[in-house]
């Protein structure tokens, strides 16, 4: 997914089928990650932050202890884009 573009609903559904535990909530790609400790959650966030910065595509997220809640959308495109799924896929790799 190298082209940065807003996805159609059918494309979003197809991409969602490739990711475990992700859903659409309030028009955003959403997942709550659970880790064994705060350090593990923070390590995940650090890896994701470095990737997000390199992509210039920053998540909306919230962390308490071992839980990280993530919402992804591409504000300047007005919806969910290829970049959201690219970052979600990287997050899945970092969480495993």
N, C-alpha and C. Protein backbone atom coordinates (compact mmCIF):
# COMPACT_ATOMS: atom_id res chain seq x y z
N UNK A 1 0.85 -1.20 0.00
CA UNK A 1 0.00 0.00 0.00
C UNK A 1 0.88 1.24 0.00
N UNK A 2 1.36 1.65 -1.11
CA UNK A 2 2.23 2.81 -1.14
C UNK A 2 1.50 4.09 -1.55
N UNK A 3 0.37 3.96 -2.23
CA UNK A 3 -0.35 5.17 -2.63
C UNK A 3 -1.18 5.66 -1.44
N UNK A 4 -1.10 6.94 -1.17
CA UNK A 4 -1.81 7.53 -0.04
C UNK A 4 -3.12 8.10 -0.55
N UNK A 5 -4.21 7.37 -0.23
CA UNK A 5 -5.52 7.81 -0.70
C UNK A 5 -6.60 7.33 0.26
N UNK A 6 -7.70 8.05 0.25
CA UNK A 6 -8.86 7.68 1.05
C UNK A 6 -9.46 6.41 0.45
N UNK A 7 -9.88 5.49 1.33
CA UNK A 7 -10.45 4.23 0.87
C UNK A 7 -11.97 4.26 0.84
N UNK A 8 -12.52 3.51 -0.11
CA UNK A 8 -13.96 3.31 -0.20
C UNK A 8 -14.37 2.28 0.87
N UNK A 9 -15.65 2.26 1.20
CA UNK A 9 -16.14 1.35 2.24
C UNK A 9 -15.81 -0.11 1.93
N UNK A 10 -15.94 -0.52 0.69
CA UNK A 10 -15.63 -1.91 0.32
C UNK A 10 -14.14 -2.21 0.51
N UNK A 11 -13.28 -1.24 0.23
CA UNK A 11 -11.85 -1.42 0.43
C UNK A 11 -11.51 -1.51 1.91
N UNK A 12 -12.19 -0.70 2.71
CA UNK A 12 -11.99 -0.73 4.17
C UNK A 12 -12.38 -2.11 4.70
N UNK A 13 -13.52 -2.63 4.27
CA UNK A 13 -13.97 -3.95 4.69
C UNK A 13 -12.95 -5.03 4.32
N UNK A 14 -12.41 -4.94 3.12
CA UNK A 14 -11.42 -5.92 2.67
C UNK A 14 -10.15 -5.85 3.50
N UNK A 15 -9.70 -4.64 3.81
CA UNK A 15 -8.50 -4.48 4.61
C UNK A 15 -8.73 -4.90 6.06
N UNK A 16 -9.91 -4.61 6.60
CA UNK A 16 -10.25 -5.03 7.97
C UNK A 16 -10.18 -6.54 8.12
N UNK A 17 -10.57 -7.26 7.09
CA UNK A 17 -10.55 -8.72 7.13
C UNK A 17 -9.14 -9.27 7.30
N UNK A 18 -8.14 -8.48 6.97
CA UNK A 18 -6.74 -8.91 7.08
C UNK A 18 -6.15 -8.66 8.46
N UNK A 19 -6.84 -7.88 9.30
CA UNK A 19 -6.32 -7.51 10.61
C UNK A 19 -7.19 -8.08 11.73
N UNK A 20 -6.57 -8.60 12.75
CA UNK A 20 -7.30 -9.18 13.87
C UNK A 20 -7.60 -8.13 14.94
N UNK A 21 -8.87 -8.05 15.32
CA UNK A 21 -9.24 -7.19 16.44
C UNK A 21 -9.49 -5.73 16.11
N UNK A 22 -9.31 -5.34 14.88
CA UNK A 22 -9.55 -3.96 14.48
C UNK A 22 -11.01 -3.81 14.05
N UNK A 23 -11.56 -2.63 14.28
CA UNK A 23 -12.94 -2.33 13.89
C UNK A 23 -13.02 -0.87 13.48
N UNK A 24 -14.19 -0.47 13.04
CA UNK A 24 -14.44 0.93 12.74
C UNK A 24 -15.31 1.48 13.87
N UNK A 25 -14.85 2.52 14.53
CA UNK A 25 -15.61 3.19 15.58
C UNK A 25 -15.53 4.68 15.34
N UNK A 26 -16.67 5.32 15.28
CA UNK A 26 -16.76 6.76 15.06
C UNK A 26 -16.00 7.19 13.81
N UNK A 27 -16.05 6.35 12.77
CA UNK A 27 -15.40 6.67 11.51
C UNK A 27 -13.89 6.53 11.50
N UNK A 28 -13.36 5.84 12.51
CA UNK A 28 -11.91 5.66 12.62
C UNK A 28 -11.58 4.19 12.76
N UNK A 29 -10.39 3.82 12.31
CA UNK A 29 -9.87 2.47 12.49
C UNK A 29 -9.46 2.35 13.95
N UNK A 30 -9.99 1.35 14.67
CA UNK A 30 -9.88 1.31 16.12
C UNK A 30 -9.42 -0.06 16.63
N UNK A 31 -8.56 -0.02 17.67
CA UNK A 31 -8.19 -1.26 18.37
C UNK A 31 -7.69 -0.90 19.76
N UNK A 32 -7.99 -1.78 20.71
CA UNK A 32 -7.44 -1.69 22.06
C UNK A 32 -6.45 -2.83 22.22
N UNK A 33 -5.19 -2.49 22.48
CA UNK A 33 -4.14 -3.47 22.71
C UNK A 33 -3.97 -3.67 24.21
N UNK A 34 -3.75 -4.91 24.62
CA UNK A 34 -3.50 -5.23 26.03
C UNK A 34 -2.14 -5.90 26.12
N UNK A 35 -1.30 -5.41 27.01
CA UNK A 35 0.04 -5.95 27.20
C UNK A 35 0.19 -6.49 28.62
N UNK A 36 1.31 -7.10 28.92
CA UNK A 36 1.50 -7.68 30.25
C UNK A 36 1.98 -6.67 31.28
N UNK A 37 2.49 -5.53 30.81
CA UNK A 37 3.02 -4.52 31.74
C UNK A 37 3.02 -3.14 31.08
N UNK A 38 3.25 -2.14 31.90
CA UNK A 38 3.39 -0.78 31.39
C UNK A 38 4.60 -0.67 30.48
N UNK A 39 5.70 -1.30 30.86
CA UNK A 39 6.92 -1.24 30.05
C UNK A 39 6.68 -1.83 28.66
N UNK A 40 5.97 -2.94 28.59
CA UNK A 40 5.67 -3.55 27.29
C UNK A 40 4.78 -2.62 26.46
N UNK A 41 3.78 -2.02 27.09
CA UNK A 41 2.90 -1.08 26.38
C UNK A 41 3.69 0.13 25.89
N UNK A 42 4.56 0.65 26.73
CA UNK A 42 5.36 1.81 26.37
C UNK A 42 6.34 1.47 25.24
N UNK A 43 6.91 0.28 25.27
CA UNK A 43 7.80 -0.16 24.20
C UNK A 43 7.07 -0.22 22.87
N UNK A 44 5.85 -0.75 22.90
CA UNK A 44 5.01 -0.79 21.71
C UNK A 44 4.76 0.63 21.19
N UNK A 45 4.41 1.53 22.09
CA UNK A 45 4.13 2.91 21.68
C UNK A 45 5.37 3.58 21.11
N UNK A 46 6.53 3.28 21.66
CA UNK A 46 7.78 3.86 21.16
C UNK A 46 8.06 3.41 19.73
N UNK A 47 7.93 2.11 19.49
CA UNK A 47 8.14 1.60 18.13
C UNK A 47 7.13 2.20 17.16
N UNK A 48 5.87 2.24 17.57
CA UNK A 48 4.83 2.80 16.71
C UNK A 48 5.05 4.29 16.46
N UNK A 49 5.52 5.02 17.48
CA UNK A 49 5.76 6.45 17.33
C UNK A 49 6.88 6.73 16.32
N UNK A 50 7.91 5.93 16.35
CA UNK A 50 9.02 6.10 15.40
C UNK A 50 8.53 5.87 13.97
N UNK A 51 7.73 4.83 13.78
CA UNK A 51 7.17 4.55 12.46
C UNK A 51 6.22 5.66 12.03
N UNK A 52 5.34 6.08 12.93
CA UNK A 52 4.37 7.14 12.62
C UNK A 52 5.09 8.43 12.21
N UNK A 53 6.13 8.77 12.91
CA UNK A 53 6.88 9.99 12.59
C UNK A 53 7.53 9.87 11.22
N UNK A 54 8.09 8.71 10.91
CA UNK A 54 8.71 8.50 9.60
C UNK A 54 7.69 8.60 8.48
N UNK A 55 6.45 8.18 8.78
CA UNK A 55 5.36 8.25 7.79
C UNK A 55 4.71 9.63 7.76
N UNK A 56 5.00 10.46 8.76
CA UNK A 56 4.29 11.72 8.98
C UNK A 56 2.78 11.45 9.07
N UNK A 57 2.46 10.42 9.85
CA UNK A 57 1.07 9.98 10.01
C UNK A 57 0.89 9.55 11.46
N UNK A 58 0.29 10.40 12.26
CA UNK A 58 0.30 10.22 13.70
C UNK A 58 -1.04 9.71 14.24
N UNK A 59 -0.98 8.71 15.12
CA UNK A 59 -2.20 8.11 15.65
C UNK A 59 -2.83 8.96 16.75
N UNK A 60 -4.11 8.74 16.96
CA UNK A 60 -4.77 9.20 18.17
C UNK A 60 -4.70 7.99 19.09
N UNK A 61 -4.12 8.16 20.26
CA UNK A 61 -4.04 7.01 21.17
C UNK A 61 -4.08 7.43 22.60
N UNK A 62 -4.36 6.43 23.44
CA UNK A 62 -4.54 6.66 24.87
C UNK A 62 -3.93 5.46 25.59
N UNK A 63 -3.15 5.73 26.63
CA UNK A 63 -2.48 4.67 27.37
C UNK A 63 -2.75 4.79 28.86
N UNK A 64 -3.15 3.69 29.46
CA UNK A 64 -3.19 3.55 30.91
C UNK A 64 -2.59 2.20 31.23
N UNK A 65 -1.56 2.22 32.04
CA UNK A 65 -0.82 1.04 32.47
C UNK A 65 -0.49 0.12 31.29
N UNK A 66 -1.18 -1.02 31.17
CA UNK A 66 -0.82 -2.00 30.14
C UNK A 66 -1.75 -1.98 28.92
N UNK A 67 -2.57 -0.96 28.82
CA UNK A 67 -3.54 -0.88 27.73
C UNK A 67 -3.23 0.34 26.85
N UNK A 68 -3.29 0.13 25.53
CA UNK A 68 -3.11 1.20 24.56
C UNK A 68 -4.30 1.15 23.60
N UNK A 69 -5.08 2.22 23.56
CA UNK A 69 -6.23 2.31 22.67
C UNK A 69 -5.83 3.21 21.50
N UNK A 70 -6.03 2.71 20.29
CA UNK A 70 -5.58 3.39 19.08
C UNK A 70 -6.76 3.69 18.17
N UNK A 71 -6.80 4.92 17.65
CA UNK A 71 -7.74 5.32 16.60
C UNK A 71 -6.94 5.93 15.47
N UNK A 72 -7.20 5.46 14.26
CA UNK A 72 -6.48 5.96 13.08
C UNK A 72 -7.45 6.51 12.06
N UNK A 73 -7.13 7.68 11.55
CA UNK A 73 -7.84 8.29 10.45
C UNK A 73 -6.88 9.26 9.78
N UNK A 74 -7.15 9.61 8.56
CA UNK A 74 -6.30 10.55 7.84
C UNK A 74 -7.09 11.85 7.70
N UNK A 75 -6.83 12.77 8.60
CA UNK A 75 -7.62 14.00 8.68
C UNK A 75 -7.63 14.80 7.38
N UNK A 76 -6.46 14.94 6.76
CA UNK A 76 -6.41 15.77 5.56
C UNK A 76 -7.09 15.13 4.35
N UNK A 77 -7.38 13.82 4.41
CA UNK A 77 -8.12 13.15 3.34
C UNK A 77 -9.58 12.94 3.73
N UNK A 78 -9.92 13.24 4.97
CA UNK A 78 -11.30 13.16 5.41
C UNK A 78 -11.83 11.76 5.64
N UNK A 79 -10.96 10.85 6.06
CA UNK A 79 -11.43 9.50 6.34
C UNK A 79 -10.29 8.52 6.49
N UNK A 80 -10.63 7.25 6.39
CA UNK A 80 -9.65 6.18 6.54
C UNK A 80 -8.93 5.98 5.21
N UNK A 81 -7.60 5.91 5.30
CA UNK A 81 -6.79 5.83 4.08
C UNK A 81 -5.87 4.62 4.10
N UNK A 82 -5.15 4.47 3.02
CA UNK A 82 -4.14 3.42 2.92
C UNK A 82 -3.10 3.56 4.03
N UNK A 83 -2.78 4.79 4.42
CA UNK A 83 -1.80 5.02 5.48
C UNK A 83 -2.29 4.47 6.81
N UNK A 84 -3.58 4.55 7.09
CA UNK A 84 -4.10 4.02 8.34
C UNK A 84 -3.89 2.51 8.43
N UNK A 85 -4.15 1.83 7.35
CA UNK A 85 -3.96 0.38 7.34
C UNK A 85 -2.48 0.01 7.34
N UNK A 86 -1.66 0.82 6.71
CA UNK A 86 -0.21 0.57 6.74
C UNK A 86 0.31 0.70 8.17
N UNK A 87 -0.11 1.74 8.89
CA UNK A 87 0.32 1.92 10.26
C UNK A 87 -0.28 0.84 11.17
N UNK A 88 -1.53 0.48 10.96
CA UNK A 88 -2.17 -0.58 11.75
C UNK A 88 -1.41 -1.91 11.59
N UNK A 89 -0.99 -2.21 10.37
CA UNK A 89 -0.25 -3.44 10.11
C UNK A 89 1.08 -3.43 10.86
N UNK A 90 1.76 -2.31 10.85
CA UNK A 90 3.03 -2.18 11.59
C UNK A 90 2.77 -2.35 13.09
N UNK A 91 1.70 -1.75 13.60
CA UNK A 91 1.37 -1.87 15.01
C UNK A 91 1.13 -3.33 15.39
N UNK A 92 0.46 -4.08 14.51
CA UNK A 92 0.23 -5.49 14.77
C UNK A 92 1.57 -6.24 14.90
N UNK A 93 2.51 -5.91 14.04
CA UNK A 93 3.84 -6.54 14.11
C UNK A 93 4.52 -6.19 15.42
N UNK A 94 4.44 -4.95 15.83
CA UNK A 94 5.09 -4.52 17.07
C UNK A 94 4.44 -5.14 18.31
N UNK A 95 3.15 -5.41 18.24
CA UNK A 95 2.43 -5.95 19.39
C UNK A 95 2.65 -7.45 19.56
N UNK A 96 3.08 -8.11 18.49
CA UNK A 96 3.23 -9.57 18.58
C UNK A 96 4.59 -9.99 19.13
